[in-house]
Amino acid sequence: MKTTHLTRRKPTKNGGFSWGRFPMPNQAGTAPRVIYRLFRREHTGLLHMDELKFLEGESRGEIAKAARDQRHKLRDRVDEIDLAAMGLAA
């Protein structure tokens, strides 16, 4: 079983979408978690972020599906802001 989905990954510094993975150790009786942070910049450069939290034992497929769905929601939300700024209806 691969465990690369449990290691830290820094977000890339580009102008569009990026994501990071941050493992969190046990804290006061809680199970180990992995936090995925999704980032997207709007046309003004303002950063928007969503965060997903998973337990260490969740499958990579479940994580990928949830991250993909959340990425689409983040993209749509930022695109609505960009379209409104351009004077176009979403």
Protein backbone atom coordinates (compact mmCIF):
# COMPACT_ATOMS: atom_id res chain seq x y z
CA MET A 1 0.00 0.00 0.00
CA LYS A 2 1.41 3.36 -1.01
CA THR A 3 1.51 6.11 1.58
CA THR A 4 2.49 9.08 -0.58
CA HIS A 5 -0.97 10.56 0.04
CA LEU A 6 0.07 10.90 3.70
CA THR A 7 3.25 12.93 3.13
CA ARG A 8 3.57 16.71 3.04
CA ARG A 9 3.32 18.49 -0.30
CA LYS A 10 3.83 22.23 -0.65
CA PRO A 11 1.50 24.18 -2.93
CA THR A 12 3.02 25.29 -6.22
CA LYS A 13 3.32 29.01 -6.87
CA ASN A 14 1.47 29.57 -10.11
CA GLY A 15 -1.21 31.98 -11.18
CA GLY A 16 -4.11 29.54 -11.21
CA PHE A 17 -5.03 26.48 -9.20
CA SER A 18 -2.71 24.79 -6.72
CA TRP A 19 -3.01 22.48 -3.75
CA GLY A 20 -1.06 21.34 -0.72
CA ARG A 21 -1.14 18.33 1.59
CA PHE A 22 -0.39 18.66 5.30
CA PRO A 23 -0.25 15.61 7.59
CA MET A 24 -1.33 16.32 11.17
CA PRO A 25 -0.05 14.02 13.94
CA ASN A 26 -2.16 12.63 16.78
CA GLN A 27 -3.33 15.39 19.10
CA ALA A 28 -4.92 14.64 22.48
CA GLY A 29 -6.58 11.38 21.52
CA THR A 30 -7.59 12.29 17.97
CA ALA A 31 -6.79 10.09 15.01
CA PRO A 32 -4.04 11.21 12.60
CA ARG A 33 -5.40 13.41 9.84
CA VAL A 34 -4.29 14.68 6.47
CA ILE A 35 -5.44 18.14 5.43
CA TYR A 36 -5.66 19.07 1.76
CA ARG A 37 -5.78 22.79 0.97
CA LEU A 38 -6.97 23.89 -2.45
CA PHE A 39 -6.06 27.36 -3.73
CA ARG A 40 -7.29 29.43 -6.66
CA ARG A 41 -6.55 33.04 -7.57
CA GLU A 42 -9.07 35.41 -9.05
CA HIS A 43 -8.23 38.03 -11.69
CA THR A 44 -7.12 40.60 -9.07
CA GLY A 45 -4.70 38.13 -7.52
CA LEU A 46 -6.81 37.55 -4.41
CA LEU A 47 -6.38 34.02 -3.09
CA HIS A 48 -9.35 31.76 -2.31
CA MET A 49 -8.85 28.58 -0.29
CA ASP A 50 -10.88 25.49 0.58
CA GLU A 51 -9.77 22.85 3.05
CA LEU A 52 -10.55 19.13 3.15
CA LYS A 53 -9.77 16.92 6.16
CA PHE A 54 -9.35 13.16 5.97
CA LEU A 55 -8.46 10.44 8.42
CA GLU A 56 -5.23 8.62 7.72
CA GLY A 57 -7.01 5.38 6.83
CA GLU A 58 -9.22 6.72 4.04
CA SER A 59 -8.56 5.38 0.57
CA ARG A 60 -6.78 7.38 -2.11
CA GLY A 61 -9.82 7.01 -4.35
CA GLU A 62 -12.14 8.61 -1.79
CA ILE A 63 -9.67 11.44 -1.25
CA ALA A 64 -9.26 12.00 -4.99
CA LYS A 65 -13.02 12.13 -5.61
CA ALA A 66 -13.65 14.56 -2.76
CA ALA A 67 -10.72 16.77 -3.82
CA ARG A 68 -11.87 16.79 -7.45
CA ASP A 69 -15.44 17.73 -6.45
CA GLN A 70 -14.20 20.49 -4.15
CA ARG A 71 -11.83 21.77 -6.83
CA HIS A 72 -14.74 22.17 -9.24
CA LYS A 73 -16.76 24.05 -6.60
CA LEU A 74 -13.81 26.36 -5.91
CA ARG A 75 -13.27 26.93 -9.64
CA ASP A 76 -16.94 27.77 -10.18
CA ARG A 77 -17.01 30.14 -7.20
CA VAL A 78 -13.92 32.05 -8.36
CA ASP A 79 -15.09 32.08 -11.99
CA GLU A 80 -18.39 33.69 -10.88
CA ILE A 81 -16.40 36.45 -9.16
CA ASP A 82 -14.26 36.97 -12.26
CA LEU A 83 -17.29 37.07 -14.59
CA ALA A 84 -19.10 39.53 -12.31
CA ALA A 85 -16.03 41.79 -12.33
CA MET A 86 -16.05 41.75 -16.14
CA GLY A 87 -19.75 42.65 -16.18
CA LEU A 88 -20.88 39.31 -17.55
CA ALA A 89 -23.62 37.17 -16.06
CA ALA A 90 -22.54 33.74 -14.84
